[in-house]
Protein backbone atom coordinates (compact mmCIF):
# COMPACT_ATOMS: atom_id res chain seq x y z
CA MET A 1 0.25 -0.03 0.06
CA THR A 2 2.73 2.18 1.15
CA GLU A 3 4.21 2.27 -2.41
CA LYS A 4 1.48 3.26 -4.30
CA ILE A 5 0.59 5.58 -1.69
CA LYS A 6 3.70 7.25 -2.38
CA THR A 7 3.13 7.41 -6.27
CA LEU A 8 0.08 9.09 -5.10
CA ARG A 9 2.77 11.51 -3.35
CA ILE A 10 4.37 11.55 -6.09
CA ILE A 11 1.97 12.99 -8.83
CA HIS A 12 0.47 15.36 -6.34
CA LEU A 13 3.86 17.04 -5.68
CA ALA A 14 4.08 17.23 -9.90
CA VAL A 15 0.94 19.23 -9.73
CA CYS A 16 2.04 21.53 -6.75
CA ALA A 17 5.15 22.37 -8.12
CA GLY A 18 4.17 22.29 -11.40
CA VAL A 19 1.53 25.02 -10.54
CA LEU A 20 3.88 26.58 -8.35
CA LEU A 21 6.55 27.30 -11.03
CA ILE A 22 4.08 28.16 -13.95
CA TYR A 23 3.11 31.06 -10.97
CA PHE A 24 6.24 32.70 -10.12
CA MET A 25 7.69 32.76 -13.63
CA VAL A 26 4.65 33.79 -15.37
CA GLY A 27 3.04 36.43 -12.28
CA ASN A 28 4.07 38.98 -11.82
CA ILE A 29 4.24 37.61 -8.03
CA SER A 30 5.87 40.15 -5.26
CA ILE A 31 5.03 40.64 -1.34
CA GLU A 32 3.05 43.80 -2.50
CA HIS A 33 1.55 42.50 -5.34
CA LEU A 34 0.06 39.40 -2.94
CA LYS A 35 -0.43 42.08 -0.04
CA LYS A 36 -2.89 44.08 -2.21
CA ILE A 37 -7.05 42.69 -2.69
CA PRO A 38 -8.35 43.68 -6.26
CA ALA A 39 -11.14 45.77 -6.01
CA ILE A 40 -14.02 43.69 -7.21
CA ASP A 41 -16.30 45.16 -9.60
CA SER A 42 -19.85 43.93 -11.35
CA SER A 43 -17.33 42.99 -14.10
CA SER A 44 -15.26 40.91 -12.10
CA VAL A 45 -17.33 39.34 -9.98
CA VAL A 46 -16.75 36.46 -11.60
CA TYR A 47 -13.54 35.77 -11.01
CA VAL A 48 -14.22 35.48 -7.09
CA PHE A 49 -16.65 32.38 -8.12
CA ILE A 50 -13.82 30.73 -10.16
CA PRO A 51 -11.89 29.13 -6.90
CA ILE A 52 -15.35 27.89 -5.21
CA LEU A 53 -16.91 26.86 -8.45
CA ALA A 54 -13.89 24.82 -8.34
CA VAL A 55 -13.97 23.45 -4.98
CA VAL A 56 -17.13 22.45 -5.69
CA LEU A 57 -16.85 21.04 -8.56
CA GLY A 58 -13.45 18.89 -7.58
CA ASN A 59 -15.05 18.03 -4.14
CA PHE A 60 -18.46 16.60 -6.51
CA LEU A 61 -16.59 14.69 -8.97
CA PHE A 62 -13.81 13.37 -6.06
CA LYS A 63 -16.99 12.41 -4.04
CA SER A 64 -18.92 10.76 -7.03
CA GLN A 65 -15.70 8.66 -8.13
CA LEU A 66 -15.79 7.44 -4.28
CA LYS A 67 -18.68 6.05 -4.37
CA GLN A 68 -18.39 4.11 -7.79
CA ILE A 69 -16.12 1.70 -5.24
CA ASP A 70 -17.20 -1.14 -4.25
CA LYS A 71 -16.85 -1.02 -0.33
CA LYS A 72 -16.17 -4.72 0.92
CA LYS A 73 -12.56 -4.81 -1.26
CA SER A 74 -9.79 -4.22 0.22
CA ILE A 75 -8.35 -0.78 0.60
CA GLU A 76 -5.70 -2.26 -1.30
CA SER A 77 -7.81 -2.50 -4.48
CA GLN A 78 -9.43 0.44 -4.01
CA LEU A 79 -6.19 2.45 -4.34
CA PRO A 80 -6.33 2.63 -8.10
CA ILE A 81 -10.03 4.74 -8.33
CA TYR A 82 -8.84 6.46 -5.16
CA GLN A 83 -5.98 7.89 -7.17
CA SER A 84 -8.00 8.82 -10.33
CA ALA A 85 -10.31 10.47 -8.20
CA SER A 86 -7.81 12.49 -6.55
CA ILE A 87 -5.94 13.07 -10.11
CA MET A 88 -9.40 14.15 -11.15
CA ARG A 89 -10.29 16.85 -8.45
CA TRP A 90 -5.84 18.11 -8.79
CA ALA A 91 -6.80 19.31 -12.09
CA VAL A 92 -9.86 21.29 -11.50
CA LEU A 93 -8.26 23.10 -8.72
CA GLU A 94 -5.47 23.57 -11.45
CA GLY A 95 -7.05 24.55 -13.90
CA ALA A 96 -9.09 27.29 -11.93
CA ALA A 97 -6.04 28.26 -10.94
CA PHE A 98 -4.49 28.72 -13.97
CA LEU A 99 -7.57 30.60 -15.16
CA ILE A 100 -7.06 33.19 -12.74
CA LEU A 101 -3.33 33.87 -13.88
CA PHE A 102 -4.34 34.22 -17.56
CA LEU A 103 -7.55 35.58 -17.31
CA LYS A 104 -7.27 38.17 -15.01
CA PRO A 105 -3.94 38.26 -12.93
CA ASP A 106 -4.72 41.09 -10.69
CA PHE A 107 -6.83 38.16 -8.73
CA VAL A 108 -3.66 36.18 -8.41
CA LEU A 109 -3.69 36.24 -4.34
CA PHE A 110 -6.95 33.74 -5.00
CA GLY A 111 -5.15 31.39 -7.62
CA PHE A 112 -2.86 31.33 -4.29
CA LEU A 113 -5.63 30.73 -2.50
CA ILE A 114 -6.67 27.33 -4.61
CA ILE A 115 -2.69 26.58 -4.37
CA ILE A 116 -2.66 26.40 -1.06
CA TYR A 117 -5.97 24.31 -1.12
CA ILE A 118 -4.00 21.64 -3.39
CA ILE A 119 -1.38 21.70 -0.79
CA VAL A 120 -3.57 20.25 1.97
CA LEU A 121 -5.43 18.17 0.09
CA ARG A 122 -1.83 16.34 0.40
CA PRO A 123 -2.63 11.75 0.67
CA THR A 124 -1.50 10.69 3.67
CA GLU A 125 -2.67 7.04 4.58
CA GLU A 126 -4.50 8.34 7.17
CA ARG A 127 -6.44 10.88 4.59
CA ILE A 128 -6.79 7.85 2.16
CA LYS A 129 -8.10 5.28 5.18
CA ASN A 130 -10.74 7.89 6.56
CA ASP A 131 -12.08 9.02 2.95
CA LEU A 132 -12.80 5.34 1.41
CA GLN A 133 -14.18 4.68 5.21
CA ASP A 134 -16.56 7.54 4.65
CA LEU A 135 -18.54 5.71 1.46
């Protein structure tokens, strides 16, 4: 089981590192820029909802994939579906972070919040067992 979790951790690290690398290379990132909260008007309110929609959609897809798992099987046999569900959730979040970066760079703070959420979703053996038991 630890080998399969190790693979999932490597994928997670690659997703996090890739998004952070793009943010630092493409985005005009500085502490002052991150501290500044952009003005939200009627034309930019949709960019505020991108992170919220990404979290909701990612979690919905994740839970719907986990519902396909046969509860009678061992945790090791459930892990491939868990892995694909996790990758799907991270991809939705990663896409939202890139949307914010490329469409509205003023809202880069919201993109960083998405990246922090992706980092928090780091796969651990305890988290995997908890997610699979909650089915």
